[in-house]
Amino acid sequence: MKELQPSVESADLIVTMTNCQKPFMKTEWLPKNATVIQMGPCEFETDALEAADVLLVDNWFQITGSAHSPVAILHKEGNLQQEDTTELRYVVAGMAEGRQNEDQQVMYCSLGLGAMDMIIANQIYKNAKEMGIGQKLMLWDAPKWV
């Protein structure tokens, strides 16, 4: 996994969606001001969640019911309570704050269906494009997996 480290360390946005059974992303690789989205069951160790400035979840009760979720593990150990997290729906609705300054690291842990998330993300992208908002991002010069 060492080939991941340089890419992760220089990223503003890190999104994982795997079916791994144990963590493989190292907390020390994560930039302080990054947005980190864990869509798989357990790509990150629990200390990555503890190090985040803002910890978002899709649904507290759903994610704490998943045996492999770092959120559930921390909660079971007594190291994380519901009030230590914010459900993403409250941020989207403007009822809670996410990142409050550019130096904060945001960790979002999802337990939804990755395919559904991709469908919704695609629609958001299309809407933004129609509205002429957003910015183009250079993700890579050449894909690493081809």
N, C-alpha and C. Protein backbone atom coordinates (compact mmCIF):
# COMPACT_ATOMS: atom_id res chain seq x y z
N MET A 1 0.80 -1.20 0.00
CA MET A 1 0.00 0.00 0.00
C MET A 1 0.85 1.28 0.00
N LYS A 2 2.16 1.13 0.00
CA LYS A 2 3.02 2.31 0.01
C LYS A 2 2.77 3.21 -1.19
N GLU A 3 2.31 2.64 -2.32
CA GLU A 3 2.05 3.46 -3.49
C GLU A 3 0.89 4.43 -3.26
N LEU A 4 0.06 4.17 -2.28
CA LEU A 4 -1.04 5.08 -1.95
C LEU A 4 -0.56 6.33 -1.23
N GLN A 5 0.42 6.18 -0.40
CA GLN A 5 0.86 7.25 0.50
C GLN A 5 1.09 8.59 -0.20
N PRO A 6 1.89 8.68 -1.27
CA PRO A 6 2.12 10.00 -1.89
C PRO A 6 0.84 10.64 -2.43
N SER A 7 -0.05 9.82 -2.97
CA SER A 7 -1.30 10.35 -3.49
C SER A 7 -2.18 10.89 -2.37
N VAL A 8 -2.25 10.16 -1.29
CA VAL A 8 -3.08 10.57 -0.16
C VAL A 8 -2.52 11.82 0.52
N GLU A 9 -1.21 11.84 0.72
CA GLU A 9 -0.58 12.97 1.42
C GLU A 9 -0.73 14.30 0.69
N SER A 10 -0.92 14.25 -0.63
CA SER A 10 -1.03 15.49 -1.40
C SER A 10 -2.47 15.81 -1.81
N ALA A 11 -3.43 15.08 -1.28
CA ALA A 11 -4.82 15.24 -1.70
C ALA A 11 -5.60 16.18 -0.80
N ASP A 12 -6.53 16.90 -1.41
CA ASP A 12 -7.48 17.71 -0.65
C ASP A 12 -8.74 16.90 -0.34
N LEU A 13 -9.02 15.95 -1.23
CA LEU A 13 -10.21 15.11 -1.11
C LEU A 13 -9.78 13.64 -1.25
N ILE A 14 -10.14 12.84 -0.26
CA ILE A 14 -9.80 11.43 -0.26
C ILE A 14 -11.11 10.65 -0.08
N VAL A 15 -11.44 9.82 -1.06
CA VAL A 15 -12.67 9.03 -1.00
C VAL A 15 -12.31 7.57 -1.15
N THR A 16 -12.77 6.75 -0.23
CA THR A 16 -12.52 5.31 -0.31
C THR A 16 -13.86 4.58 -0.39
N MET A 17 -13.88 3.53 -1.21
CA MET A 17 -15.08 2.69 -1.30
C MET A 17 -14.61 1.29 -1.67
N THR A 18 -14.33 0.51 -0.64
CA THR A 18 -13.83 -0.85 -0.85
C THR A 18 -14.69 -1.82 -0.04
N ASN A 19 -14.40 -3.09 -0.18
CA ASN A 19 -15.04 -4.09 0.67
C ASN A 19 -14.00 -4.73 1.59
N CYS A 20 -12.97 -3.95 1.94
CA CYS A 20 -11.88 -4.46 2.78
C CYS A 20 -12.41 -4.93 4.13
N GLN A 21 -11.66 -5.80 4.74
CA GLN A 21 -12.02 -6.34 6.05
C GLN A 21 -11.16 -5.79 7.18
N LYS A 22 -10.12 -5.01 6.80
CA LYS A 22 -9.29 -4.38 7.82
C LYS A 22 -8.76 -3.06 7.26
N PRO A 23 -8.45 -2.11 8.14
CA PRO A 23 -7.97 -0.79 7.69
C PRO A 23 -6.66 -0.88 6.91
N PHE A 24 -6.54 -0.03 5.91
CA PHE A 24 -5.29 0.03 5.13
C PHE A 24 -4.80 1.46 4.94
N MET A 25 -5.59 2.45 5.28
CA MET A 25 -5.18 3.86 5.16
C MET A 25 -4.58 4.30 6.50
N LYS A 26 -3.43 4.92 6.44
CA LYS A 26 -2.74 5.35 7.65
C LYS A 26 -3.13 6.78 8.02
N THR A 27 -3.39 6.99 9.27
CA THR A 27 -3.80 8.30 9.77
C THR A 27 -2.76 9.36 9.47
N GLU A 28 -1.49 9.03 9.60
CA GLU A 28 -0.43 10.02 9.38
C GLU A 28 -0.33 10.46 7.92
N TRP A 29 -0.94 9.75 7.00
CA TRP A 29 -0.95 10.15 5.59
C TRP A 29 -1.94 11.28 5.33
N LEU A 30 -2.94 11.45 6.18
CA LEU A 30 -4.05 12.36 5.91
C LEU A 30 -3.66 13.82 6.15
N PRO A 31 -3.75 14.67 5.13
CA PRO A 31 -3.45 16.08 5.31
C PRO A 31 -4.42 16.73 6.29
N LYS A 32 -3.91 17.68 7.03
CA LYS A 32 -4.71 18.32 8.08
C LYS A 32 -5.98 18.97 7.53
N ASN A 33 -5.91 19.54 6.33
CA ASN A 33 -7.06 20.28 5.81
C ASN A 33 -7.87 19.48 4.78
N ALA A 34 -7.70 18.18 4.74
CA ALA A 34 -8.38 17.35 3.74
C ALA A 34 -9.82 17.05 4.14
N THR A 35 -10.61 16.72 3.13
CA THR A 35 -11.92 16.13 3.35
C THR A 35 -11.77 14.65 3.04
N VAL A 36 -12.10 13.82 4.01
CA VAL A 36 -11.91 12.38 3.90
C VAL A 36 -13.29 11.71 3.98
N ILE A 37 -13.60 10.92 2.96
CA ILE A 37 -14.90 10.26 2.90
C ILE A 37 -14.68 8.75 2.85
N GLN A 38 -15.11 8.08 3.89
CA GLN A 38 -15.01 6.62 3.96
C GLN A 38 -16.38 6.04 3.64
N MET A 39 -16.49 5.44 2.46
CA MET A 39 -17.76 4.87 2.04
C MET A 39 -17.79 3.35 2.21
N GLY A 40 -16.64 2.76 2.45
CA GLY A 40 -16.57 1.33 2.68
C GLY A 40 -16.67 1.05 4.17
N PRO A 41 -16.54 -0.20 4.55
CA PRO A 41 -16.76 -0.56 5.95
C PRO A 41 -15.66 -0.15 6.91
N CYS A 42 -14.39 -0.19 6.49
CA CYS A 42 -13.34 0.02 7.50
C CYS A 42 -11.98 0.35 6.91
N GLU A 43 -11.91 1.26 5.97
CA GLU A 43 -10.61 1.58 5.36
C GLU A 43 -9.65 2.30 6.30
N PHE A 44 -10.19 3.00 7.29
CA PHE A 44 -9.37 3.80 8.20
C PHE A 44 -9.38 3.23 9.61
N GLU A 45 -8.27 3.40 10.29
CA GLU A 45 -8.18 3.00 11.68
C GLU A 45 -8.96 3.99 12.54
N THR A 46 -9.31 3.58 13.74
CA THR A 46 -10.12 4.44 14.60
C THR A 46 -9.43 5.75 14.96
N ASP A 47 -8.10 5.75 15.02
CA ASP A 47 -7.40 6.99 15.39
C ASP A 47 -7.55 8.07 14.32
N ALA A 48 -7.84 7.68 13.08
CA ALA A 48 -8.09 8.68 12.04
C ALA A 48 -9.37 9.47 12.35
N LEU A 49 -10.35 8.78 12.88
CA LEU A 49 -11.60 9.44 13.26
C LEU A 49 -11.37 10.36 14.46
N GLU A 50 -10.59 9.87 15.41
CA GLU A 50 -10.30 10.66 16.61
C GLU A 50 -9.48 11.90 16.28
N ALA A 51 -8.66 11.84 15.22
CA ALA A 51 -7.81 12.96 14.84
C ALA A 51 -8.56 14.02 14.02
N ALA A 52 -9.69 13.66 13.45
CA ALA A 52 -10.44 14.59 12.60
C ALA A 52 -11.00 15.75 13.43
N ASP A 53 -11.02 16.93 12.83
CA ASP A 53 -11.60 18.10 13.50
C ASP A 53 -13.12 18.07 13.45
N VAL A 54 -13.65 17.56 12.35
CA VAL A 54 -15.09 17.45 12.15
C VAL A 54 -15.38 16.01 11.75
N LEU A 55 -16.27 15.35 12.48
CA LEU A 55 -16.63 13.97 12.18
C LEU A 55 -18.11 13.91 11.80
N LEU A 56 -18.35 13.57 10.54
CA LEU A 56 -19.71 13.47 10.01
C LEU A 56 -20.06 12.01 9.78
N VAL A 57 -21.33 11.68 9.97
CA VAL A 57 -21.84 10.34 9.67
C VAL A 57 -23.14 10.48 8.89
N ASP A 58 -23.53 9.43 8.17
CA ASP A 58 -24.80 9.53 7.45
C ASP A 58 -25.97 9.30 8.41
N ASN A 59 -25.87 8.30 9.29
CA ASN A 59 -26.91 8.03 10.26
C ASN A 59 -26.27 7.36 11.47
N TRP A 60 -26.33 8.03 12.60
CA TRP A 60 -25.66 7.55 13.81
C TRP A 60 -26.08 6.13 14.18
N PHE A 61 -27.37 5.87 14.21
CA PHE A 61 -27.85 4.57 14.68
C PHE A 61 -27.51 3.45 13.70
N GLN A 62 -27.51 3.75 12.42
CA GLN A 62 -27.15 2.75 11.43
C GLN A 62 -25.67 2.42 11.51
N ILE A 63 -24.83 3.45 11.57
CA ILE A 63 -23.39 3.21 11.52
C ILE A 63 -22.85 2.60 12.81
N THR A 64 -23.48 2.89 13.95
CA THR A 64 -23.02 2.28 15.19
C THR A 64 -23.51 0.83 15.31
N GLY A 65 -24.39 0.41 14.43
CA GLY A 65 -24.85 -0.98 14.41
C GLY A 65 -24.00 -1.88 13.53
N SER A 66 -23.03 -1.30 12.83
CA SER A 66 -22.16 -2.08 11.95
C SER A 66 -20.91 -2.50 12.70
N ALA A 67 -20.68 -3.79 12.77
CA ALA A 67 -19.57 -4.34 13.57
C ALA A 67 -18.20 -3.84 13.13
N HIS A 68 -17.98 -3.65 11.82
CA HIS A 68 -16.65 -3.29 11.32
C HIS A 68 -16.40 -1.78 11.27
N SER A 69 -17.42 -0.99 11.43
CA SER A 69 -17.28 0.47 11.32
C SER A 69 -16.40 1.02 12.45
N PRO A 70 -15.41 1.86 12.10
CA PRO A 70 -14.61 2.49 13.15
C PRO A 70 -15.46 3.33 14.10
N VAL A 71 -16.54 3.91 13.58
CA VAL A 71 -17.45 4.69 14.44
C VAL A 71 -18.05 3.76 15.49
N ALA A 72 -18.53 2.59 15.06
CA ALA A 72 -19.13 1.63 15.99
C ALA A 72 -18.11 1.11 17.00
N ILE A 73 -16.90 0.87 16.53
CA ILE A 73 -15.85 0.37 17.42
C ILE A 73 -15.54 1.40 18.50
N LEU A 74 -15.34 2.66 18.09
CA LEU A 74 -15.07 3.72 19.07
C LEU A 74 -16.23 3.89 20.05
N HIS A 75 -17.45 3.82 19.55
CA HIS A 75 -18.63 3.96 20.41
C HIS A 75 -18.70 2.81 21.42
N LYS A 76 -18.49 1.59 20.93
CA LYS A 76 -18.54 0.42 21.82
C LYS A 76 -17.48 0.51 22.91
N GLU A 77 -16.31 1.06 22.56
CA GLU A 77 -15.23 1.22 23.54
C GLU A 77 -15.47 2.39 24.50
N GLY A 78 -16.51 3.17 24.24
CA GLY A 78 -16.81 4.32 25.09
C GLY A 78 -16.03 5.58 24.72
N ASN A 79 -15.37 5.57 23.55
CA ASN A 79 -14.53 6.69 23.13
C ASN A 79 -15.21 7.64 22.15
N LEU A 80 -16.46 7.38 21.80
CA LEU A 80 -17.18 8.25 20.87
C LEU A 80 -18.67 8.21 21.20
N GLN A 81 -19.25 9.39 21.33
CA GLN A 81 -20.68 9.50 21.60
C GLN A 81 -21.36 10.20 20.43
N GLN A 82 -22.66 10.08 20.35
CA GLN A 82 -23.40 10.68 19.25
C GLN A 82 -23.13 12.18 19.15
N GLU A 83 -23.03 12.86 20.27
CA GLU A 83 -22.81 14.31 20.25
C GLU A 83 -21.41 14.70 19.75
N ASP A 84 -20.51 13.73 19.59
CA ASP A 84 -19.19 13.97 19.03
C ASP A 84 -19.21 13.97 17.50
N THR A 85 -20.35 13.62 16.93
CA THR A 85 -20.50 13.54 15.48
C THR A 85 -21.64 14.46 15.04
N THR A 86 -21.72 14.67 13.74
CA THR A 86 -22.85 15.40 13.14
C THR A 86 -23.34 14.58 11.96
N GLU A 87 -24.64 14.42 11.86
CA GLU A 87 -25.19 13.73 10.71
C GLU A 87 -25.15 14.68 9.52
N LEU A 88 -24.72 14.17 8.39
CA LEU A 88 -24.54 14.97 7.19
C LEU A 88 -25.81 15.72 6.80
N ARG A 89 -26.96 15.13 7.02
CA ARG A 89 -28.22 15.78 6.64
C ARG A 89 -28.39 17.14 7.32
N TYR A 90 -27.89 17.29 8.53
CA TYR A 90 -28.00 18.57 9.23
C TYR A 90 -27.10 19.64 8.62
N VAL A 91 -25.93 19.22 8.14
CA VAL A 91 -25.02 20.16 7.47
C VAL A 91 -25.64 20.60 6.14
N VAL A 92 -26.15 19.63 5.38
CA VAL A 92 -26.76 19.93 4.08
C VAL A 92 -27.96 20.87 4.25
N ALA A 93 -28.74 20.67 5.31
CA ALA A 93 -29.92 21.50 5.55
C ALA A 93 -29.59 22.84 6.19
N GLY A 94 -28.30 23.08 6.49
CA GLY A 94 -27.90 24.34 7.10
C GLY A 94 -28.21 24.42 8.59
N MET A 95 -28.48 23.28 9.21
CA MET A 95 -28.82 23.24 10.63
C MET A 95 -27.61 22.98 11.52
N ALA A 96 -26.48 22.65 10.90
CA ALA A 96 -25.24 22.42 11.63
C ALA A 96 -24.09 22.82 10.72
N GLU A 97 -22.94 23.11 11.34
CA GLU A 97 -21.77 23.49 10.56
C GLU A 97 -20.90 22.26 10.30
N GLY A 98 -20.27 22.25 9.15
CA GLY A 98 -19.26 21.25 8.86
C GLY A 98 -17.91 21.87 9.17
N ARG A 99 -17.09 22.05 8.16
CA ARG A 99 -15.79 22.70 8.32
C ARG A 99 -16.01 24.17 8.65
N GLN A 100 -15.32 24.66 9.66
CA GLN A 100 -15.46 26.06 10.07
C GLN A 100 -14.28 26.92 9.65
N ASN A 101 -13.17 26.28 9.25
CA ASN A 101 -12.05 27.02 8.68
C ASN A 101 -11.25 26.08 7.78
N GLU A 102 -10.39 26.66 6.96
CA GLU A 102 -9.67 25.91 5.94
C GLU A 102 -8.65 24.92 6.49
N ASP A 103 -8.28 25.07 7.75
CA ASP A 103 -7.28 24.19 8.33
C ASP A 103 -7.87 22.92 8.95
N GLN A 104 -9.18 22.83 9.01
CA GLN A 104 -9.81 21.68 9.65
C GLN A 104 -9.87 20.48 8.72
N GLN A 105 -9.66 19.32 9.31
CA GLN A 105 -9.82 18.07 8.57
C GLN A 105 -11.23 17.55 8.84
N VAL A 106 -11.92 17.20 7.77
CA VAL A 106 -13.27 16.67 7.88
C VAL A 106 -13.24 15.19 7.51
N MET A 107 -13.81 14.36 8.37
CA MET A 107 -13.93 12.93 8.11
C MET A 107 -15.42 12.61 8.05
N TYR A 108 -15.83 12.01 6.94
CA TYR A 108 -17.22 11.59 6.79
C TYR A 108 -17.26 10.08 6.65
N CYS A 109 -18.00 9.43 7.54
CA CYS A 109 -18.13 7.98 7.51
C CYS A 109 -19.54 7.62 7.09
N SER A 110 -19.62 6.90 6.00
CA SER A 110 -20.90 6.54 5.42
C SER A 110 -21.10 5.04 5.49
N LEU A 111 -22.33 4.64 5.64
CA LEU A 111 -22.65 3.22 5.62
C LEU A 111 -23.77 2.95 4.63
N GLY A 112 -24.02 3.91 3.75
CA GLY A 112 -25.06 3.76 2.75
C GLY A 112 -24.60 2.89 1.60
N LEU A 113 -25.38 2.86 0.55
CA LEU A 113 -25.01 2.12 -0.65
C LEU A 113 -24.15 3.01 -1.52
N GLY A 114 -22.93 2.58 -1.78
CA GLY A 114 -22.00 3.36 -2.60
C GLY A 114 -22.57 3.68 -3.97
N ALA A 115 -23.28 2.72 -4.57
CA ALA A 115 -23.85 2.95 -5.90
C ALA A 115 -24.87 4.09 -5.86
N MET A 116 -25.67 4.14 -4.81
CA MET A 116 -26.66 5.22 -4.67
C MET A 116 -25.95 6.56 -4.50
N ASP A 117 -24.88 6.57 -3.72
CA ASP A 117 -24.11 7.80 -3.52
C ASP A 117 -23.56 8.31 -4.85
N MET A 118 -23.09 7.40 -5.69
CA MET A 118 -22.53 7.79 -6.99
C MET A 118 -23.62 8.36 -7.90
N ILE A 119 -24.83 7.79 -7.85
CA ILE A 119 -25.95 8.29 -8.65
C ILE A 119 -26.30 9.71 -8.22
N ILE A 120 -26.37 9.92 -6.91
CA ILE A 120 -26.70 11.25 -6.39
C ILE A 120 -25.59 12.24 -6.72
N ALA A 121 -24.33 11.83 -6.57
CA ALA A 121 -23.20 12.70 -6.90
C ALA A 121 -23.24 13.11 -8.36
N ASN A 122 -23.58 12.18 -9.23
CA ASN A 122 -23.68 12.48 -10.66
C ASN A 122 -24.77 13.52 -10.93
N GLN A 123 -25.89 13.41 -10.25
CA GLN A 123 -26.97 14.39 -10.43
C GLN A 123 -26.55 15.76 -9.91
N ILE A 124 -25.87 15.79 -8.79
CA ILE A 124 -25.37 17.06 -8.24
C ILE A 124 -24.40 17.69 -9.23
N TYR A 125 -23.53 16.86 -9.80
CA TYR A 125 -22.58 17.36 -10.81
C TYR A 125 -23.31 17.96 -12.01
N LYS A 126 -24.30 17.24 -12.51
CA LYS A 126 -25.07 17.74 -13.66
C LYS A 126 -25.77 19.06 -13.34
N ASN A 127 -26.34 19.15 -12.15
CA ASN A 127 -27.01 20.38 -11.74
C ASN A 127 -26.02 21.54 -11.65
N ALA A 128 -24.86 21.30 -11.06
CA ALA A 128 -23.85 22.35 -10.94
C ALA A 128 -23.38 22.80 -12.31
N LYS A 129 -23.20 21.85 -13.22
CA LYS A 129 -22.77 22.18 -14.58
C LYS A 129 -23.81 23.06 -15.28
N GLU A 130 -25.08 22.68 -15.15
CA GLU A 130 -26.17 23.48 -15.73
C GLU A 130 -26.21 24.89 -15.15
N MET A 131 -25.92 25.00 -13.87
CA MET A 131 -25.97 26.29 -13.18
C MET A 131 -24.68 27.10 -13.37
N GLY A 132 -23.67 26.47 -13.94
CA GLY A 132 -22.40 27.16 -14.17
C GLY A 132 -21.62 27.42 -12.90
N ILE A 133 -21.75 26.55 -11.91
CA ILE A 133 -21.03 26.73 -10.65
C ILE A 133 -20.05 25.57 -10.46
N GLY A 134 -19.10 25.74 -9.55
CA GLY A 134 -18.11 24.72 -9.27
C GLY A 134 -16.82 24.99 -10.01
N GLN A 135 -15.91 24.06 -9.93
CA GLN A 135 -14.63 24.20 -10.60
C GLN A 135 -14.15 22.84 -11.08
N LYS A 136 -13.37 22.85 -12.16
CA LYS A 136 -12.79 21.61 -12.68
C LYS A 136 -11.57 21.26 -11.85
N LEU A 137 -11.40 19.98 -11.58
CA LEU A 137 -10.27 19.50 -10.80
C LEU A 137 -9.43 18.56 -11.64
N MET A 138 -8.13 18.68 -11.54
CA MET A 138 -7.21 17.75 -12.19
C MET A 138 -6.96 16.63 -11.20
N LEU A 139 -7.47 15.44 -11.47
CA LEU A 139 -7.34 14.34 -10.54
C LEU A 139 -6.04 13.58 -10.71
N TRP A 140 -5.52 13.51 -11.95
CA TRP A 140 -4.27 12.83 -12.20
C TRP A 140 -3.79 13.15 -13.62
N ASP A 141 -2.50 13.02 -13.84
CA ASP A 141 -1.95 13.14 -15.17
C ASP A 141 -2.19 11.87 -15.98
N ALA A 142 -2.03 10.74 -15.29
CA ALA A 142 -2.27 9.43 -15.91
C ALA A 142 -2.80 8.50 -14.82
N PRO A 143 -3.82 7.71 -15.11
CA PRO A 143 -4.34 6.79 -14.09
C PRO A 143 -3.29 5.79 -13.63
N LYS A 144 -3.27 5.48 -12.36
CA LYS A 144 -2.29 4.56 -11.79
C LYS A 144 -2.66 3.10 -11.99
N TRP A 145 -3.93 2.82 -12.26
CA TRP A 145 -4.37 1.42 -12.32
C TRP A 145 -4.43 0.84 -13.73
N VAL A 146 -4.08 1.61 -14.75
CA VAL A 146 -4.13 1.10 -16.12
C VAL A 146 -2.75 0.69 -16.57
